[in-house]
Amino acid sequence: MEVLSPVETYPGIVLGILCGGVGAAFQGVEAGVLWGLIGYFLGKSIQSMLWTVIGQRTS
């Protein structure tokens, strides 16, 4: 079994943290929380599209 990086295994969480951090740095804490939610759902959407294209789950 191949060991996957956190980005491949948890793209929603990784993008949520990344977008939240950037949003907080540029626009403040409240905007950082909102950008974190946007990043999380964007990551989950990307993960779902990859599952559809590849035909199997990566996690």
PDB file of N, CA and C in Angstrom:
ATOM      1  N   MET A   1       0.838  -1.180   0.000  1.00  0.00           N
ATOM      2  CA  MET A   1       0.000   0.000   0.000  1.00  0.00           C
ATOM      3  C   MET A   1       0.879   1.238   0.000  1.00  0.00           C
ATOM      4  N   GLU A   2       0.543   2.154  -0.851  1.00  0.00           N
ATOM      5  CA  GLU A   2       1.331   3.360  -1.033  1.00  0.00           C
ATOM      6  C   GLU A   2       0.946   4.427  -0.006  1.00  0.00           C
ATOM      7  N   VAL A   3       1.936   5.079   0.547  1.00  0.00           N
ATOM      8  CA  VAL A   3       1.686   6.154   1.511  1.00  0.00           C
ATOM      9  C   VAL A   3       1.390   7.434   0.736  1.00  0.00           C
ATOM     10  N   LEU A   4       0.237   8.056   1.023  1.00  0.00           N
ATOM     11  CA  LEU A   4      -0.166   9.268   0.325  1.00  0.00           C
ATOM     12  C   LEU A   4       0.156  10.496   1.159  1.00  0.00           C
ATOM     13  N   SER A   5       0.470  11.577   0.479  1.00  0.00           N
ATOM     14  CA  SER A   5       0.723  12.829   1.187  1.00  0.00           C
ATOM     15  C   SER A   5      -0.591  13.386   1.721  1.00  0.00           C
ATOM     16  N   PRO A   6      -0.546  14.264   2.706  1.00  0.00           N
ATOM     17  CA  PRO A   6      -1.784  14.847   3.245  1.00  0.00           C
ATOM     18  C   PRO A   6      -2.600  15.603   2.204  1.00  0.00           C
ATOM     19  N   VAL A   7      -1.935  16.176   1.200  1.00  0.00           N
ATOM     20  CA  VAL A   7      -2.667  16.906   0.164  1.00  0.00           C
ATOM     21  C   VAL A   7      -3.532  15.951  -0.645  1.00  0.00           C
ATOM     22  N   GLU A   8      -3.030  14.765  -0.931  1.00  0.00           N
ATOM     23  CA  GLU A   8      -3.810  13.780  -1.676  1.00  0.00           C
ATOM     24  C   GLU A   8      -4.888  13.149  -0.814  1.00  0.00           C
ATOM     25  N   THR A   9      -4.605  12.958   0.455  1.00  0.00           N
ATOM     26  CA  THR A   9      -5.547  12.289   1.346  1.00  0.00           C
ATOM     27  C   THR A   9      -6.624  13.235   1.859  1.00  0.00           C
ATOM     28  N   TYR A  10      -6.239  14.449   2.228  1.00  0.00           N
ATOM     29  CA  TYR A  10      -7.171  15.419   2.818  1.00  0.00           C
ATOM     30  C   TYR A  10      -7.107  16.764   2.099  1.00  0.00           C
ATOM     31  N   PRO A  11      -7.497  16.833   0.834  1.00  0.00           N
ATOM     32  CA  PRO A  11      -7.367  18.114   0.122  1.00  0.00           C
ATOM     33  C   PRO A  11      -8.270  19.209   0.680  1.00  0.00           C
ATOM     34  N   GLY A  12      -9.414  18.842   1.235  1.00  0.00           N
ATOM     35  CA  GLY A  12     -10.313  19.848   1.798  1.00  0.00           C
ATOM     36  C   GLY A  12      -9.703  20.549   2.988  1.00  0.00           C
ATOM     37  N   ILE A  13      -9.112  19.775   3.872  1.00  0.00           N
ATOM     38  CA  ILE A  13      -8.506  20.353   5.073  1.00  0.00           C
ATOM     39  C   ILE A  13      -7.276  21.181   4.714  1.00  0.00           C
ATOM     40  N   VAL A  14      -6.453  20.657   3.809  1.00  0.00           N
ATOM     41  CA  VAL A  14      -5.234  21.372   3.425  1.00  0.00           C
ATOM     42  C   VAL A  14      -5.571  22.694   2.741  1.00  0.00           C
ATOM     43  N   LEU A  15      -6.500  22.675   1.785  1.00  0.00           N
ATOM     44  CA  LEU A  15      -6.884  23.922   1.119  1.00  0.00           C
ATOM     45  C   LEU A  15      -7.611  24.866   2.066  1.00  0.00           C
ATOM     46  N   GLY A  16      -8.373  24.324   3.002  1.00  0.00           N
ATOM     47  CA  GLY A  16      -9.042  25.163   3.991  1.00  0.00           C
ATOM     48  C   GLY A  16      -8.053  25.919   4.854  1.00  0.00           C
ATOM     49  N   ILE A  17      -7.032  25.231   5.315  1.00  0.00           N
ATOM     50  CA  ILE A  17      -6.002  25.873   6.137  1.00  0.00           C
ATOM     51  C   ILE A  17      -5.219  26.894   5.319  1.00  0.00           C
ATOM     52  N   LEU A  18      -4.875  26.525   4.100  1.00  0.00           N
ATOM     53  CA  LEU A  18      -4.115  27.427   3.238  1.00  0.00           C
ATOM     54  C   LEU A  18      -4.908  28.692   2.911  1.00  0.00           C
ATOM     55  N   CYS A  19      -6.138  28.533   2.456  1.00  0.00           N
ATOM     56  CA  CYS A  19      -6.970  29.696   2.113  1.00  0.00           C
ATOM     57  C   CYS A  19      -7.301  30.524   3.352  1.00  0.00           C
ATOM     58  N   GLY A  20      -7.551  29.863   4.464  1.00  0.00           N
ATOM     59  CA  GLY A  20      -7.834  30.582   5.701  1.00  0.00           C
ATOM     60  C   GLY A  20      -6.656  31.411   6.170  1.00  0.00           C
ATOM     61  N   GLY A  21      -5.468  30.855   6.075  1.00  0.00           N
ATOM     62  CA  GLY A  21      -4.270  31.592   6.469  1.00  0.00           C
ATOM     63  C   GLY A  21      -4.016  32.805   5.596  1.00  0.00           C
ATOM     64  N   VAL A  22      -4.169  32.625   4.295  1.00  0.00           N
ATOM     65  CA  VAL A  22      -3.976  33.748   3.373  1.00  0.00           C
ATOM     66  C   VAL A  22      -5.057  34.807   3.586  1.00  0.00           C
ATOM     67  N   GLY A  23      -6.294  34.367   3.760  1.00  0.00           N
ATOM     68  CA  GLY A  23      -7.385  35.313   4.000  1.00  0.00           C
ATOM     69  C   GLY A  23      -7.195  36.092   5.289  1.00  0.00           C
ATOM     70  N   ALA A  24      -6.742  35.413   6.335  1.00  0.00           N
ATOM     71  CA  ALA A  24      -6.508  36.090   7.610  1.00  0.00           C
ATOM     72  C   ALA A  24      -5.355  37.083   7.505  1.00  0.00           C
ATOM     73  N   ALA A  25      -4.333  36.725   6.752  1.00  0.00           N
ATOM     74  CA  ALA A  25      -3.183  37.613   6.612  1.00  0.00           C
ATOM     75  C   ALA A  25      -3.532  38.883   5.848  1.00  0.00           C
ATOM     76  N   PHE A  26      -4.371  38.759   4.831  1.00  0.00           N
ATOM     77  CA  PHE A  26      -4.670  39.909   3.981  1.00  0.00           C
ATOM     78  C   PHE A  26      -5.921  40.675   4.383  1.00  0.00           C
ATOM     79  N   GLN A  27      -6.919  39.985   4.988  1.00  0.00           N
ATOM     80  CA  GLN A  27      -8.202  40.646   5.219  1.00  0.00           C
ATOM     81  C   GLN A  27      -8.694  40.576   6.655  1.00  0.00           C
ATOM     82  N   GLY A  28      -7.995  39.908   7.533  1.00  0.00           N
ATOM     83  CA  GLY A  28      -8.428  39.831   8.920  1.00  0.00           C
ATOM     84  C   GLY A  28      -8.982  38.465   9.276  1.00  0.00           C
ATOM     85  N   VAL A  29      -9.281  38.299  10.557  1.00  0.00           N
ATOM     86  CA  VAL A  29      -9.685  36.997  11.085  1.00  0.00           C
ATOM     87  C   VAL A  29     -11.028  36.537  10.526  1.00  0.00           C
ATOM     88  N   GLU A  30     -12.006  37.436  10.488  1.00  0.00           N
ATOM     89  CA  GLU A  30     -13.341  37.042  10.019  1.00  0.00           C
ATOM     90  C   GLU A  30     -13.298  36.571   8.571  1.00  0.00           C
ATOM     91  N   ALA A  31     -12.599  37.310   7.737  1.00  0.00           N
ATOM     92  CA  ALA A  31     -12.466  36.918   6.332  1.00  0.00           C
ATOM     93  C   ALA A  31     -11.654  35.636   6.210  1.00  0.00           C
ATOM     94  N   GLY A  32     -10.680  35.450   7.099  1.00  0.00           N
ATOM     95  CA  GLY A  32      -9.888  34.225   7.080  1.00  0.00           C
ATOM     96  C   GLY A  32     -10.731  32.996   7.339  1.00  0.00           C
ATOM     97  N   VAL A  33     -11.684  33.116   8.261  1.00  0.00           N
ATOM     98  CA  VAL A  33     -12.587  31.993   8.542  1.00  0.00           C
ATOM     99  C   VAL A  33     -13.440  31.689   7.317  1.00  0.00           C
ATOM    100  N   LEU A  34     -13.969  32.725   6.692  1.00  0.00           N
ATOM    101  CA  LEU A  34     -14.788  32.511   5.492  1.00  0.00           C
ATOM    102  C   LEU A  34     -13.970  31.910   4.353  1.00  0.00           C
ATOM    103  N   TRP A  35     -12.759  32.411   4.146  1.00  0.00           N
ATOM    104  CA  TRP A  35     -11.903  31.852   3.105  1.00  0.00           C
ATOM    105  C   TRP A  35     -11.507  30.418   3.433  1.00  0.00           C
ATOM    106  N   GLY A  36     -11.361  30.104   4.712  1.00  0.00           N
ATOM    107  CA  GLY A  36     -11.086  28.722   5.102  1.00  0.00           C
ATOM    108  C   GLY A  36     -12.217  27.786   4.715  1.00  0.00           C
ATOM    109  N   LEU A  37     -13.453  28.230   4.917  1.00  0.00           N
ATOM    110  CA  LEU A  37     -14.610  27.420   4.509  1.00  0.00           C
ATOM    111  C   LEU A  37     -14.664  27.256   2.994  1.00  0.00           C
ATOM    112  N   ILE A  38     -14.395  28.331   2.281  1.00  0.00           N
ATOM    113  CA  ILE A  38     -14.381  28.248   0.815  1.00  0.00           C
ATOM    114  C   ILE A  38     -13.302  27.267   0.355  1.00  0.00           C
ATOM    115  N   GLY A  39     -12.120  27.358   0.941  1.00  0.00           N
ATOM    116  CA  GLY A  39     -11.033  26.445   0.582  1.00  0.00           C
ATOM    117  C   GLY A  39     -11.361  25.002   0.895  1.00  0.00           C
ATOM    118  N   TYR A  40     -12.020  24.765   2.025  1.00  0.00           N
ATOM    119  CA  TYR A  40     -12.398  23.403   2.401  1.00  0.00           C
ATOM    120  C   TYR A  40     -13.335  22.793   1.362  1.00  0.00           C
ATOM    121  N   PHE A  41     -14.384  23.532   1.013  1.00  0.00           N
ATOM    122  CA  PHE A  41     -15.349  22.988   0.056  1.00  0.00           C
ATOM    123  C   PHE A  41     -14.772  22.907  -1.352  1.00  0.00           C
ATOM    124  N   LEU A  42     -13.858  23.801  -1.703  1.00  0.00           N
ATOM    125  CA  LEU A  42     -13.167  23.692  -2.982  1.00  0.00           C
ATOM    126  C   LEU A  42     -12.328  22.412  -3.021  1.00  0.00           C
ATOM    127  N   GLY A  43     -11.626  22.126  -1.935  1.00  0.00           N
ATOM    128  CA  GLY A  43     -10.833  20.901  -1.864  1.00  0.00           C
ATOM    129  C   GLY A  43     -11.684  19.648  -1.943  1.00  0.00           C
ATOM    130  N   LYS A  44     -12.836  19.661  -1.274  1.00  0.00           N
ATOM    131  CA  LYS A  44     -13.736  18.503  -1.346  1.00  0.00           C
ATOM    132  C   LYS A  44     -14.277  18.323  -2.762  1.00  0.00           C
ATOM    133  N   SER A  45     -14.553  19.416  -3.460  1.00  0.00           N
ATOM    134  CA  SER A  45     -15.028  19.330  -4.841  1.00  0.00           C
ATOM    135  C   SER A  45     -13.957  18.746  -5.753  1.00  0.00           C
ATOM    136  N   ILE A  46     -12.728  19.190  -5.574  1.00  0.00           N
ATOM    137  CA  ILE A  46     -11.622  18.652  -6.363  1.00  0.00           C
ATOM    138  C   ILE A  46     -11.455  17.167  -6.084  1.00  0.00           C
ATOM    139  N   GLN A  47     -11.551  16.774  -4.815  1.00  0.00           N
ATOM    140  CA  GLN A  47     -11.432  15.371  -4.444  1.00  0.00           C
ATOM    141  C   GLN A  47     -12.533  14.536  -5.100  1.00  0.00           C
ATOM    142  N   SER A  48     -13.750  15.020  -5.110  1.00  0.00           N
ATOM    143  CA  SER A  48     -14.857  14.294  -5.732  1.00  0.00           C
ATOM    144  C   SER A  48     -14.660  14.161  -7.236  1.00  0.00           C
ATOM    145  N   MET A  49     -14.170  15.224  -7.877  1.00  0.00           N
ATOM    146  CA  MET A  49     -13.915  15.143  -9.317  1.00  0.00           C
ATOM    147  C   MET A  49     -12.821  14.129  -9.624  1.00  0.00           C
ATOM    148  N   LEU A  50     -11.785  14.095  -8.788  1.00  0.00           N
ATOM    149  CA  LEU A  50     -10.719  13.118  -8.999  1.00  0.00           C
ATOM    150  C   LEU A  50     -11.227  11.699  -8.811  1.00  0.00           C
ATOM    151  N   TRP A  51     -12.067  11.469  -7.808  1.00  0.00           N
ATOM    152  CA  TRP A  51     -12.642  10.143  -7.611  1.00  0.00           C
ATOM    153  C   TRP A  51     -13.458   9.727  -8.825  1.00  0.00           C
ATOM    154  N   THR A  52     -14.180  10.673  -9.415  1.00  0.00           N
ATOM    155  CA  THR A  52     -15.002  10.371 -10.584  1.00  0.00           C
ATOM    156  C   THR A  52     -14.133  10.032 -11.789  1.00  0.00           C
ATOM    157  N   VAL A  53     -13.076  10.800 -12.008  1.00  0.00           N
ATOM    158  CA  VAL A  53     -12.216  10.587 -13.168  1.00  0.00           C
ATOM    159  C   VAL A  53     -11.375   9.326 -13.007  1.00  0.00           C
ATOM    160  N   ILE A  54     -10.782   9.151 -11.829  1.00  0.00           N
ATOM    161  CA  ILE A  54      -9.903   8.008 -11.589  1.00  0.00           C
ATOM    162  C   ILE A  54     -10.711   6.729 -11.402  1.00  0.00           C
ATOM    163  N   GLY A  55     -11.858   6.838 -10.788  1.00  0.00           N
ATOM    164  CA  GLY A  55     -12.710   5.676 -10.592  1.00  0.00           C
ATOM    165  C   GLY A  55     -12.525   4.986  -9.261  1.00  0.00           C
ATOM    166  N   GLN A  56     -11.729   5.555  -8.383  1.00  0.00           N
ATOM    167  CA  GLN A  56     -11.539   4.966  -7.057  1.00  0.00           C
ATOM    168  C   GLN A  56     -11.215   6.066  -6.062  1.00  0.00           C
ATOM    169  N   ARG A  57     -11.419   5.765  -4.816  1.00  0.00           N
ATOM    170  CA  ARG A  57     -11.091   6.735  -3.769  1.00  0.00           C
ATOM    171  C   ARG A  57      -9.608   6.687  -3.475  1.00  0.00           C
ATOM    172  N   THR A  58      -9.049   7.857  -3.122  1.00  0.00           N
ATOM    173  CA  THR A  58      -7.630   7.918  -2.781  1.00  0.00           C
ATOM    174  C   THR A  58      -7.393   7.771  -1.292  1.00  0.00           C
ATOM    175  N   SER A  59      -8.444   7.846  -0.485  1.00  0.00           N
ATOM    176  CA  SER A  59      -8.259   7.741   0.964  1.00  0.00           C
ATOM    177  C   SER A  59      -8.961   6.527   1.504  1.00  0.00           C
TER     178      SER A  59
END
